[in-house]
Protein backbone atom coordinates (compact mmCIF):
# COMPACT_ATOMS: atom_id res chain seq x y z
CA MET A 1 0.00 -0.23 0.37
CA ALA A 2 0.77 3.89 0.06
CA PHE A 3 1.27 6.55 2.19
CA LYS A 4 -2.06 8.26 3.52
CA SER A 5 -1.73 11.62 4.82
CA ALA A 6 -5.14 10.97 6.76
CA ASN A 7 -3.24 8.54 8.78
CA LEU A 8 -0.61 10.99 9.87
CA SER A 9 -1.14 12.68 13.07
CA VAL A 10 0.68 14.73 15.63
CA LEU A 11 0.86 13.13 19.10
CA ALA A 12 2.72 16.12 20.64
CA TYR A 13 4.82 19.04 19.54
CA ALA A 14 7.12 21.28 21.42
CA ASN A 15 10.49 23.26 20.92
CA GLY A 16 10.63 22.55 17.16
CA PHE A 17 10.08 18.67 17.63
CA THR A 18 7.29 16.70 16.66
CA PHE A 19 5.82 13.56 17.99
CA TRP A 20 3.84 11.67 14.91
CA HIS A 21 2.06 8.91 14.72
CA TYR A 22 0.95 6.70 11.51
CA LYS A 23 -1.57 4.04 11.40
CA SER A 24 -1.66 1.76 8.36
CA ALA A 25 -3.93 -1.39 8.57
CA GLY A 26 -2.44 -2.88 5.27
CA ASP A 27 1.42 -1.83 5.64
CA ALA A 28 4.16 -3.89 7.62
CA ASN A 29 6.59 -2.01 9.73
CA GLY A 30 9.33 -2.85 6.93
CA ASP A 31 7.12 -1.19 4.17
CA MET A 32 6.67 1.94 6.09
CA THR A 33 10.50 2.30 6.57
CA GLY A 34 11.17 1.47 3.18
CA ALA A 35 12.84 4.36 0.69
CA GLY A 36 10.44 6.71 -0.06
CA TYR A 37 7.17 5.76 1.97
CA PHE A 38 6.83 9.16 3.60
CA ASP A 39 8.17 11.46 1.05
CA ALA A 40 4.64 13.03 0.34
CA ALA A 41 4.92 14.29 4.08
CA ALA A 42 8.16 15.69 3.43
CA ASP A 43 6.70 19.22 4.15
CA LEU A 44 5.73 18.14 7.60
CA LEU A 45 8.41 15.80 8.54
CA ARG A 46 11.62 17.22 9.96
CA PRO A 47 14.99 15.56 10.83
CA GLY A 48 14.88 14.38 14.49
CA ASP A 49 10.95 14.25 14.34
CA MET A 50 9.88 10.65 16.14
CA VAL A 51 6.80 8.63 14.54
CA ALA A 52 5.15 5.70 16.28
CA LEU A 53 4.10 3.49 13.74
CA ASN A 54 1.43 0.99 14.09
CA GLY A 55 1.39 -1.58 10.83
CA ALA A 56 -0.88 -4.64 9.49
CA GLY A 57 -1.84 -6.85 12.52
CA ASP A 58 -0.19 -5.86 16.17
CA SER A 59 2.77 -4.31 15.10
CA ALA A 60 4.37 -1.17 16.25
CA ALA A 61 7.78 0.60 16.02
CA LEU A 62 9.12 3.91 16.88
CA VAL A 63 11.36 5.44 14.20
CA ARG A 64 13.60 8.85 13.77
CA VAL A 65 13.02 11.08 10.77
CA SER A 66 17.07 10.75 9.88
CA PHE A 67 16.83 12.69 6.48
CA ASN A 68 14.67 15.34 4.52
CA ARG A 69 15.83 16.95 1.62
CA ALA A 70 14.59 17.88 -2.11
CA GLY A 71 11.15 16.12 -1.24
CA ARG A 72 12.84 12.82 -0.03
CA VAL A 73 12.23 11.59 3.25
CA ALA A 74 14.03 8.60 5.26
CA VAL A 75 12.94 7.16 8.41
CA GLY A 76 15.31 4.61 10.70
CA PHE A 77 14.72 2.57 13.79
CA THR A 78 16.26 4.14 16.96
CA THR A 79 18.73 2.34 16.93
CA ASP A 80 21.78 5.15 16.18
CA TRP A 81 22.22 6.14 19.99
CA GLU A 82 25.01 8.15 20.63
CA THR A 83 27.02 5.85 23.20
CA GLN A 84 27.42 7.78 26.69
CA ALA A 85 30.42 7.13 29.31
CA ALA A 86 30.14 4.76 31.22
CA VAL A 87 28.22 5.04 34.81
CA ALA A 88 29.65 3.44 37.92
CA ASP A 89 27.53 0.70 39.99
CA ALA A 90 25.27 2.32 42.71
CA ASP A 91 27.57 2.12 46.20
CA GLY A 92 28.07 3.88 49.12
CA GLY A 93 25.70 6.10 50.93
CA ALA A 94 24.97 6.24 54.77
CA THR A 95 21.99 3.82 54.58
CA VAL A 96 22.27 0.49 52.59
CA ASP A 97 19.16 -0.20 50.48
CA ALA A 98 19.90 -3.56 48.13
CA GLU A 99 16.64 -3.55 46.33
CA ALA A 100 17.13 0.20 45.41
CA ARG A 101 20.80 -0.72 44.13
CA ALA A 102 19.80 -3.74 42.55
CA ALA A 103 17.25 -2.16 40.67
CA VAL A 104 19.51 0.95 39.62
CA ASN A 105 22.24 -1.49 38.68
CA ALA A 106 19.93 -3.25 36.45
CA VAL A 107 19.04 -0.15 34.51
CA ILE A 108 22.55 0.56 34.01
CA ARG A 109 23.00 -2.89 32.55
CA ALA A 110 19.80 -2.93 30.36
CA LEU A 111 21.11 0.40 29.01
CA GLU A 112 25.03 -1.01 28.55
CA ARG A 113 23.41 -3.87 26.81
CA VAL A 114 21.35 -1.81 23.83
CA GLY A 115 24.19 0.56 23.61
CA VAL A 116 23.29 4.05 25.12
CA LEU A 117 25.78 3.46 27.88
CA ALA A 118 29.46 2.33 27.39
CA ALA A 119 30.39 -1.10 28.95
């Protein structure tokens, strides 16, 4: 199927950033992230904007507008994180809360696994 402008809506807008939603009952997420799919919305989508996709079946994805030039738009999955410096495990303090430390450390490990933080 093809892009339909009626299926694109704004979820939030602030400071030059727009969070969009796009629903297509007939297209898979792979179709919607393919070359040229969002070209018809070039006048709306800006690099850095995010689009929540709901595709065929129960598929869903979050993508970022990575390119918009000369009527061509590219979107991609949000895996191009800029890796941040490593974070030390929670440690020390007057009161020891093992459950809170374990939760904080689990978050750190998860961010390391997906590449947001350096290991």
